Amino acid sequence: MGTSMNDTSSAGAHSHVGAAVPVTAAPGVDGRGAVMLLRIVAALACLETLVQGLLAGLLLNGDVDSIDAHGFNAYVFEILVFLQVVAAVLLWRRNRWLRWPLMAAVGILVAAFVQTFLGLESSLAAHAALGVALCGMQTALVLRAFLLRAEKSVTAA
């Protein structure tokens, strides 16, 4: 007569919270090398956000010497994010319909520059908040990059 909260069939009349949503396979993208490059650089940049958080925590705990490492690591992160943009451009050039990696990578790069500016200006509240946001944005990009299905190149070299 009724449906349970775990009923995921289409026979139920109502949609339930937590019901499974069918996922269709994402279309394959051209360029295994570009996909792999994006995945590697994005994963390394994601790890850098965690290192930045650790270094910031050390600084907040009173280890004033960690500020130099935190500053240096910020530039390492920016270089990785720039390389992430390059990888996203390479991927986009082969798959003009696939715009989200490029938009996300450019957005993260802009946010990283703003983050560095806020840190240099000692705007710590905004700097800390944007740092947490950058960690989340970078994690989301990595997760989505690993969901891309790379196919053999369809264009002749």
C-alpha atoms as a PDB file:
ATOM      1  CA  MET A   1       0.000   0.000   0.000  1.00  0.00           C
ATOM      2  CA  GLY A   2       2.673   2.551   0.993  1.00  0.00           C
ATOM      3  CA  THR A   3       6.273   2.857   0.083  1.00  0.00           C
ATOM      4  CA  SER A   4       9.111   2.668   2.505  1.00  0.00           C
ATOM      5  CA  MET A   5      11.759   5.377   2.917  1.00  0.00           C
ATOM      6  CA  ASN A   6      14.219   3.032   1.224  1.00  0.00           C
ATOM      7  CA  ASP A   7      12.034   2.292  -1.794  1.00  0.00           C
ATOM      8  CA  THR A   8      13.926   3.394  -4.892  1.00  0.00           C
ATOM      9  CA  SER A   9      11.601   1.897  -7.464  1.00  0.00           C
ATOM     10  CA  SER A  10       9.604   4.026  -9.848  1.00  0.00           C
ATOM     11  CA  ALA A  11       6.365   2.424  -8.622  1.00  0.00           C
ATOM     12  CA  GLY A  12       6.111   4.735  -5.604  1.00  0.00           C
ATOM     13  CA  ALA A  13       3.991   7.841  -6.059  1.00  0.00           C
ATOM     14  CA  HIS A  14       6.251  10.142  -4.050  1.00  0.00           C
ATOM     15  CA  SER A  15       9.904  10.982  -4.089  1.00  0.00           C
ATOM     16  CA  HIS A  16      11.677  10.201  -0.825  1.00  0.00           C
ATOM     17  CA  VAL A  17      14.712  11.778   0.738  1.00  0.00           C
ATOM     18  CA  GLY A  18      17.659   9.453   0.356  1.00  0.00           C
ATOM     19  CA  ALA A  19      16.174   7.636  -2.633  1.00  0.00           C
ATOM     20  CA  ALA A  20      18.767   6.497  -5.134  1.00  0.00           C
ATOM     21  CA  VAL A  21      18.991   8.570  -8.290  1.00  0.00           C
ATOM     22  CA  PRO A  22      20.054   6.699 -11.406  1.00  0.00           C
ATOM     23  CA  VAL A  23      23.392   7.949 -12.707  1.00  0.00           C
ATOM     24  CA  THR A  24      24.045   7.897 -16.411  1.00  0.00           C
ATOM     25  CA  ALA A  25      27.549   7.276 -17.619  1.00  0.00           C
ATOM     26  CA  ALA A  26      29.430  10.460 -18.379  1.00  0.00           C
ATOM     27  CA  PRO A  27      30.464  10.814 -21.978  1.00  0.00           C
ATOM     28  CA  GLY A  28      34.057   9.927 -22.633  1.00  0.00           C
ATOM     29  CA  VAL A  29      36.555  12.696 -23.147  1.00  0.00           C
ATOM     30  CA  ASP A  30      39.320  12.805 -25.712  1.00  0.00           C
ATOM     31  CA  GLY A  31      42.864  13.023 -24.429  1.00  0.00           C
ATOM     32  CA  ARG A  32      44.012  10.563 -21.794  1.00  0.00           C
ATOM     33  CA  GLY A  33      47.218  12.533 -21.249  1.00  0.00           C
ATOM     34  CA  ALA A  34      45.364  15.767 -20.499  1.00  0.00           C
ATOM     35  CA  VAL A  35      42.979  13.983 -18.134  1.00  0.00           C
ATOM     36  CA  MET A  36      45.882  12.324 -16.324  1.00  0.00           C
ATOM     37  CA  LEU A  37      47.778  15.618 -16.089  1.00  0.00           C
ATOM     38  CA  LEU A  38      44.722  17.349 -14.659  1.00  0.00           C
ATOM     39  CA  ARG A  39      44.230  14.577 -12.109  1.00  0.00           C
ATOM     40  CA  ILE A  40      47.858  14.586 -10.968  1.00  0.00           C
ATOM     41  CA  VAL A  41      48.262  18.342 -10.699  1.00  0.00           C
ATOM     42  CA  ALA A  42      44.857  18.777  -9.054  1.00  0.00           C
ATOM     43  CA  ALA A  43      45.604  16.056  -6.499  1.00  0.00           C
ATOM     44  CA  LEU A  44      48.967  17.634  -5.667  1.00  0.00           C
ATOM     45  CA  ALA A  45      47.331  21.055  -5.299  1.00  0.00           C
ATOM     46  CA  CYS A  46      44.715  19.498  -3.018  1.00  0.00           C
ATOM     47  CA  LEU A  47      47.459  18.044  -0.843  1.00  0.00           C
ATOM     48  CA  GLU A  48      49.059  21.489  -0.729  1.00  0.00           C
ATOM     49  CA  THR A  49      45.847  22.936   0.733  1.00  0.00           C
ATOM     50  CA  LEU A  50      46.125  20.403   3.544  1.00  0.00           C
ATOM     51  CA  VAL A  51      49.777  21.304   4.124  1.00  0.00           C
ATOM     52  CA  GLN A  52      48.773  24.978   4.198  1.00  0.00           C
ATOM     53  CA  GLY A  53      46.154  24.234   6.834  1.00  0.00           C
ATOM     54  CA  LEU A  54      48.709  22.342   8.908  1.00  0.00           C
ATOM     55  CA  LEU A  55      51.203  25.195   8.668  1.00  0.00           C
ATOM     56  CA  ALA A  56      48.508  27.717   9.555  1.00  0.00           C
ATOM     57  CA  GLY A  57      47.588  25.621  12.575  1.00  0.00           C
ATOM     58  CA  LEU A  58      51.207  25.574  13.705  1.00  0.00           C
ATOM     59  CA  LEU A  59      51.310  29.340  13.364  1.00  0.00           C
ATOM     60  CA  LEU A  60      48.101  29.736  15.385  1.00  0.00           C
ATOM     61  CA  ASN A  61      49.606  27.473  18.068  1.00  0.00           C
ATOM     62  CA  GLY A  62      52.464  29.920  18.463  1.00  0.00           C
ATOM     63  CA  ASP A  63      55.118  28.472  16.159  1.00  0.00           C
ATOM     64  CA  VAL A  64      56.031  31.788  14.539  1.00  0.00           C
ATOM     65  CA  ASP A  65      58.794  30.154  12.478  1.00  0.00           C
ATOM     66  CA  SER A  66      56.146  28.299  10.454  1.00  0.00           C
ATOM     67  CA  ILE A  67      55.105  31.557   8.759  1.00  0.00           C
ATOM     68  CA  ASP A  68      58.022  31.300   6.320  1.00  0.00           C
ATOM     69  CA  ALA A  69      57.043  27.769   5.316  1.00  0.00           C
ATOM     70  CA  HIS A  70      53.401  28.845   5.046  1.00  0.00           C
ATOM     71  CA  GLY A  71      54.371  31.702   2.733  1.00  0.00           C
ATOM     72  CA  PHE A  72      56.634  29.532   0.586  1.00  0.00           C
ATOM     73  CA  ASN A  73      53.981  26.830   0.343  1.00  0.00           C
ATOM     74  CA  ALA A  74      51.458  29.418  -0.832  1.00  0.00           C
ATOM     75  CA  TYR A  75      53.617  30.042  -3.895  1.00  0.00           C
ATOM     76  CA  VAL A  76      54.007  26.304  -4.495  1.00  0.00           C
ATOM     77  CA  PHE A  77      50.196  26.048  -4.393  1.00  0.00           C
ATOM     78  CA  GLU A  78      49.842  28.900  -6.892  1.00  0.00           C
ATOM     79  CA  ILE A  79      52.293  27.219  -9.285  1.00  0.00           C
ATOM     80  CA  LEU A  80      50.358  23.949  -9.051  1.00  0.00           C
ATOM     81  CA  VAL A  81      47.067  25.751  -9.619  1.00  0.00           C
ATOM     82  CA  PHE A  82      48.569  27.527 -12.650  1.00  0.00           C
ATOM     83  CA  LEU A  83      49.634  24.121 -14.011  1.00  0.00           C
ATOM     84  CA  GLN A  84      46.099  22.925 -13.278  1.00  0.00           C
ATOM     85  CA  VAL A  85      44.793  25.716 -15.528  1.00  0.00           C
ATOM     86  CA  VAL A  86      47.232  24.615 -18.257  1.00  0.00           C
ATOM     87  CA  ALA A  87      45.983  21.016 -17.962  1.00  0.00           C
ATOM     88  CA  ALA A  88      42.374  22.224 -18.091  1.00  0.00           C
ATOM     89  CA  VAL A  89      43.127  24.266 -21.226  1.00  0.00           C
ATOM     90  CA  LEU A  90      44.697  21.215 -22.884  1.00  0.00           C
ATOM     91  CA  LEU A  91      41.641  19.170 -22.002  1.00  0.00           C
ATOM     92  CA  TRP A  92      39.239  21.871 -23.195  1.00  0.00           C
ATOM     93  CA  ARG A  93      41.074  22.261 -26.531  1.00  0.00           C
ATOM     94  CA  ARG A  94      40.317  18.624 -27.318  1.00  0.00           C
ATOM     95  CA  ASN A  95      36.789  18.687 -25.831  1.00  0.00           C
ATOM     96  CA  ARG A  96      35.235  22.118 -26.455  1.00  0.00           C
ATOM     97  CA  TRP A  97      31.992  21.003 -24.800  1.00  0.00           C
ATOM     98  CA  LEU A  98      33.806  20.269 -21.524  1.00  0.00           C
ATOM     99  CA  ARG A  99      34.093  23.689 -19.882  1.00  0.00           C
ATOM    100  CA  TRP A 100      33.782  23.000 -16.152  1.00  0.00           C
ATOM    101  CA  PRO A 101      37.424  21.993 -15.526  1.00  0.00           C
ATOM    102  CA  LEU A 102      38.705  25.207 -17.073  1.00  0.00           C
ATOM    103  CA  MET A 103      36.171  27.409 -15.295  1.00  0.00           C
ATOM    104  CA  ALA A 104      36.904  25.714 -11.966  1.00  0.00           C
ATOM    105  CA  ALA A 105      40.679  25.897 -12.414  1.00  0.00           C
ATOM    106  CA  VAL A 106      40.600  29.586 -13.345  1.00  0.00           C
ATOM    107  CA  GLY A 107      38.269  30.322 -10.419  1.00  0.00           C
ATOM    108  CA  ILE A 108      40.610  28.558  -8.025  1.00  0.00           C
ATOM    109  CA  LEU A 109      43.609  30.426  -9.460  1.00  0.00           C
ATOM    110  CA  VAL A 110      41.881  33.785  -8.942  1.00  0.00           C
ATOM    111  CA  ALA A 111      40.888  32.754  -5.406  1.00  0.00           C
ATOM    112  CA  ALA A 112      44.498  31.698  -4.711  1.00  0.00           C
ATOM    113  CA  PHE A 113      45.783  35.117  -5.784  1.00  0.00           C
ATOM    114  CA  VAL A 114      43.176  36.822  -3.584  1.00  0.00           C
ATOM    115  CA  GLN A 115      44.168  34.467  -0.767  1.00  0.00           C
ATOM    116  CA  THR A 116      47.822  35.451  -1.060  1.00  0.00           C
ATOM    117  CA  PHE A 117      46.918  39.142  -1.141  1.00  0.00           C
ATOM    118  CA  LEU A 118      44.771  38.781   1.993  1.00  0.00           C
ATOM    119  CA  GLY A 119      47.596  36.983   3.771  1.00  0.00           C
ATOM    120  CA  LEU A 120      50.152  39.619   2.823  1.00  0.00           C
ATOM    121  CA  GLU A 121      47.751  42.328   4.015  1.00  0.00           C
ATOM    122  CA  SER A 122      47.256  40.472   7.336  1.00  0.00           C
ATOM    123  CA  SER A 123      43.506  40.243   6.810  1.00  0.00           C
ATOM    124  CA  LEU A 124      43.480  37.037   8.829  1.00  0.00           C
ATOM    125  CA  ALA A 125      39.740  36.429   9.189  1.00  0.00           C
ATOM    126  CA  ALA A 126      39.135  36.648   5.431  1.00  0.00           C
ATOM    127  CA  HIS A 127      42.413  34.793   4.756  1.00  0.00           C
ATOM    128  CA  ALA A 128      41.392  31.869   6.981  1.00  0.00           C
ATOM    129  CA  ALA A 129      37.857  31.698   5.572  1.00  0.00           C
ATOM    130  CA  LEU A 130      39.070  31.737   1.979  1.00  0.00           C
ATOM    131  CA  GLY A 131      41.687  29.114   2.841  1.00  0.00           C
ATOM    132  CA  VAL A 132      38.969  26.740   3.999  1.00  0.00           C
ATOM    133  CA  ALA A 133      36.935  27.525   0.877  1.00  0.00           C
ATOM    134  CA  LEU A 134      39.967  26.879  -1.350  1.00  0.00           C
ATOM    135  CA  CYS A 135      40.450  23.489   0.278  1.00  0.00           C
ATOM    136  CA  GLY A 136      36.827  22.620  -0.481  1.00  0.00           C
ATOM    137  CA  MET A 137      36.962  23.935  -4.056  1.00  0.00           C
ATOM    138  CA  GLN A 138      40.166  22.053  -4.788  1.00  0.00           C
ATOM    139  CA  THR A 139      38.774  18.844  -3.292  1.00  0.00           C
ATOM    140  CA  ALA A 140      35.638  19.154  -5.437  1.00  0.00           C
ATOM    141  CA  LEU A 141      37.747  19.648  -8.566  1.00  0.00           C
ATOM    142  CA  VAL A 142      39.863  16.582  -7.769  1.00  0.00           C
ATOM    143  CA  LEU A 143      36.801  14.416  -7.186  1.00  0.00           C
ATOM    144  CA  ARG A 144      35.199  15.529 -10.446  1.00  0.00           C
ATOM    145  CA  ALA A 145      38.479  15.109 -12.362  1.00  0.00           C
ATOM    146  CA  PHE A 146      38.670  11.488 -11.247  1.00  0.00           C
ATOM    147  CA  LEU A 147      35.129  10.929 -12.539  1.00  0.00           C
ATOM    148  CA  LEU A 148      36.126  11.897 -16.081  1.00  0.00           C
ATOM    149  CA  ARG A 149      36.203   8.918 -18.393  1.00  0.00           C
ATOM    150  CA  ALA A 150      39.142   9.285 -20.737  1.00  0.00           C
ATOM    151  CA  GLU A 151      38.972   7.487 -24.036  1.00  0.00           C
ATOM    152  CA  LYS A 152      41.580   6.784 -26.646  1.00  0.00           C
ATOM    153  CA  SER A 153      42.308   9.787 -28.784  1.00  0.00           C
ATOM    154  CA  VAL A 154      39.876  10.060 -31.685  1.00  0.00           C
ATOM    155  CA  THR A 155      41.904  12.726 -33.470  1.00  0.00           C
ATOM    156  CA  ALA A 156      44.832  11.711 -35.607  1.00  0.00           C
ATOM    157  CA  ALA A 157      48.215  12.937 -34.436  1.00  0.00           C
END
